Every structure is written in structure tokens, then in C-alpha cells.
Amino acid sequence: MEKVYTVRIANMELSLYSSETEEYTQSIARDVDERIKEIIGDNLSVSVVNAALLVAMDYCDEVNKLKEGAENMRTQLKSYMDETNRALAERDDARRLADKLKDELMNIKLDRKD
């Protein structure tokens, strides 16, 4: 359920809808505010809008890198699962062969006794 929260970013109050908790929403707002303040720093020639755009670019870059990392992990996991399935199939083949050879050995031993 979405709720309306008021947050303060770059000395501006913003009302926004969020399905997240107020604590989480305020935490995100504080993070954005801190990043804007870091960019502006002592350089008063950087506008809040420019700083906000740089923060947005930074967040997009971070999200894209995280997505790429997640995709790499999914690919690696799929590869590990494929290798595991191949190894299990080989193990099953080896067990069947061992059982077959064990049966043949038993038959040979029984034939020698006769």
C-alpha cells in the first residue's frame, strides 16, 4: 500500500508516494541529500539541479554495474549447474557400469564353481 511521505533533499521538501516504509524512504532521501551536498561542497557555482543530475547519473551507473554483476553471477551459476548435472549423469553411468561389471564377475565366479 502506497503512503505519502515528506522528505527533505537539498533544502527542499518533497512529498512522494512510496510502498516502502517511512524509515526506508527517509534513508534514501538522506543518501541523495548527502550525495548532492558532497558534489556541491564548497563550490557554490554548482547548482542543485546539476548536482542532482550528477547524483542520478551516479546511481544509474551503480545500478547498471550491479545488474551486469548479477547477470554474470546468473551465467556462472547456470554453468555450475550444467557442470553438476553432467557430473551426476556421469556418476549414474559409472554406477550402472559398475553394477553390470559386478554382475558379470559374479556370473564368472559361479561358472567356475560349476
Protein backbone atom coordinates (compact mmCIF):
# COMPACT_ATOMS: atom_id res chain seq x y z
CA MET A 1 0.00 0.00 0.00
CA GLU A 2 1.46 3.33 -1.00
CA LYS A 3 1.72 6.11 1.53
CA VAL A 4 2.64 9.76 1.20
CA TYR A 5 5.87 10.83 2.87
CA THR A 6 7.55 14.19 3.09
CA VAL A 7 11.31 14.16 2.65
CA ARG A 8 13.89 16.92 2.60
CA ILE A 9 16.51 16.90 -0.15
CA ALA A 10 18.78 19.85 -0.93
CA ASN A 11 16.79 22.11 1.41
CA MET A 12 13.58 21.35 -0.48
CA GLU A 13 10.63 19.50 0.96
CA LEU A 14 9.18 16.89 -1.36
CA SER A 15 6.02 14.86 -0.90
CA LEU A 16 6.16 11.47 -2.52
CA TYR A 17 4.27 8.22 -2.69
CA SER A 18 6.07 5.07 -1.65
CA SER A 19 5.14 1.49 -0.87
CA GLU A 20 8.26 1.28 1.30
CA THR A 21 8.41 2.11 4.99
CA GLU A 22 8.92 5.67 6.10
CA GLU A 23 12.30 4.76 7.61
CA TYR A 24 13.50 3.33 4.31
CA THR A 25 12.16 6.29 2.31
CA GLN A 26 13.79 8.80 4.65
CA SER A 27 17.05 6.84 4.49
CA ILE A 28 17.08 7.03 0.68
CA ALA A 29 16.29 10.75 0.83
CA ARG A 30 19.17 11.31 3.28
CA ASP A 31 21.53 9.42 0.99
CA VAL A 32 20.52 11.53 -2.03
CA ASP A 33 20.81 14.71 0.06
CA GLU A 34 24.29 13.75 1.27
CA ARG A 35 25.47 12.97 -2.26
CA ILE A 36 24.17 16.31 -3.53
CA LYS A 37 25.92 18.12 -0.66
CA GLU A 38 29.18 16.26 -1.43
CA ILE A 39 29.04 17.36 -5.06
CA ILE A 40 28.22 20.95 -4.26
CA GLY A 41 30.70 21.09 -1.38
CA ASP A 42 32.33 24.50 -1.20
CA ASN A 43 31.79 25.05 -4.93
CA LEU A 44 28.81 27.38 -4.99
CA SER A 45 28.89 27.55 -8.79
CA VAL A 46 27.41 24.04 -8.98
CA SER A 47 23.63 24.29 -8.96
CA VAL A 48 21.38 21.91 -7.09
CA VAL A 49 19.94 20.78 -10.42
CA ASN A 50 23.40 19.95 -11.80
CA ALA A 51 24.33 18.17 -8.58
CA ALA A 52 21.05 16.20 -8.68
CA LEU A 53 21.73 15.19 -12.29
CA LEU A 54 25.22 14.00 -11.34
CA VAL A 55 23.76 12.02 -8.45
CA ALA A 56 21.20 10.48 -10.83
CA MET A 57 23.99 9.57 -13.27
CA ASP A 58 25.99 8.03 -10.42
CA TYR A 59 23.00 5.97 -9.24
CA CYS A 60 22.25 4.81 -12.80
CA ASP A 61 25.88 3.80 -13.24
CA GLU A 62 25.77 1.87 -9.97
CA VAL A 63 22.50 0.13 -10.90
CA ASN A 64 23.83 -0.84 -14.34
CA LYS A 65 27.01 -2.28 -12.85
CA LEU A 66 25.01 -4.20 -10.26
CA LYS A 67 22.73 -5.58 -12.99
CA GLU A 68 25.76 -6.61 -15.03
CA GLY A 69 27.27 -8.28 -11.97
CA ALA A 70 24.01 -10.08 -11.24
CA GLU A 71 23.80 -11.28 -14.85
CA ASN A 72 27.39 -12.54 -14.67
CA MET A 73 26.55 -14.39 -11.47
CA ARG A 74 23.43 -15.94 -13.08
CA THR A 75 25.51 -17.05 -16.07
CA GLN A 76 28.18 -18.53 -13.79
CA LEU A 77 25.55 -20.27 -11.67
CA LYS A 78 23.95 -21.77 -14.78
CA SER A 79 27.35 -23.01 -15.89
CA TYR A 80 27.95 -24.60 -12.46
CA MET A 81 24.52 -26.24 -12.57
CA ASP A 82 25.17 -27.60 -16.07
CA GLU A 83 28.54 -28.98 -14.91
CA THR A 84 26.88 -30.53 -11.86
CA ASN A 85 24.19 -32.18 -14.00
CA ARG A 86 26.84 -33.57 -16.35
CA ALA A 87 28.82 -34.91 -13.38
CA LEU A 88 25.70 -36.52 -11.91
CA ALA A 89 24.89 -38.15 -15.24
CA GLU A 90 28.46 -39.47 -15.49
CA ARG A 91 28.22 -40.77 -11.92
CA ASP A 92 24.97 -42.56 -12.73
CA ASP A 93 26.53 -44.07 -15.87
CA ALA A 94 29.54 -45.21 -13.84
CA ARG A 95 27.29 -46.80 -11.19
CA ARG A 96 25.33 -48.67 -13.86
CA LEU A 97 28.57 -49.89 -15.42
CA ALA A 98 29.92 -50.93 -12.01
CA ASP A 99 26.72 -52.86 -11.29
CA LYS A 100 26.91 -54.54 -14.69
CA LEU A 101 30.56 -55.49 -14.17
CA LYS A 102 29.79 -56.77 -10.67
CA ASP A 103 27.04 -58.98 -12.10
CA GLU A 104 29.39 -60.26 -14.83
CA LEU A 105 32.04 -61.03 -12.22
CA MET A 106 29.53 -62.91 -10.10
CA ASN A 107 28.44 -64.93 -13.15
CA ILE A 108 32.07 -65.77 -13.98
CA LYS A 109 32.68 -66.91 -10.39
CA LEU A 110 29.52 -69.03 -10.48
CA ASP A 111 30.55 -70.57 -13.82
CA ARG A 112 33.96 -71.53 -12.39
CA LYS A 113 32.34 -73.30 -9.43
CA ASP A 114 30.29 -75.49 -11.73
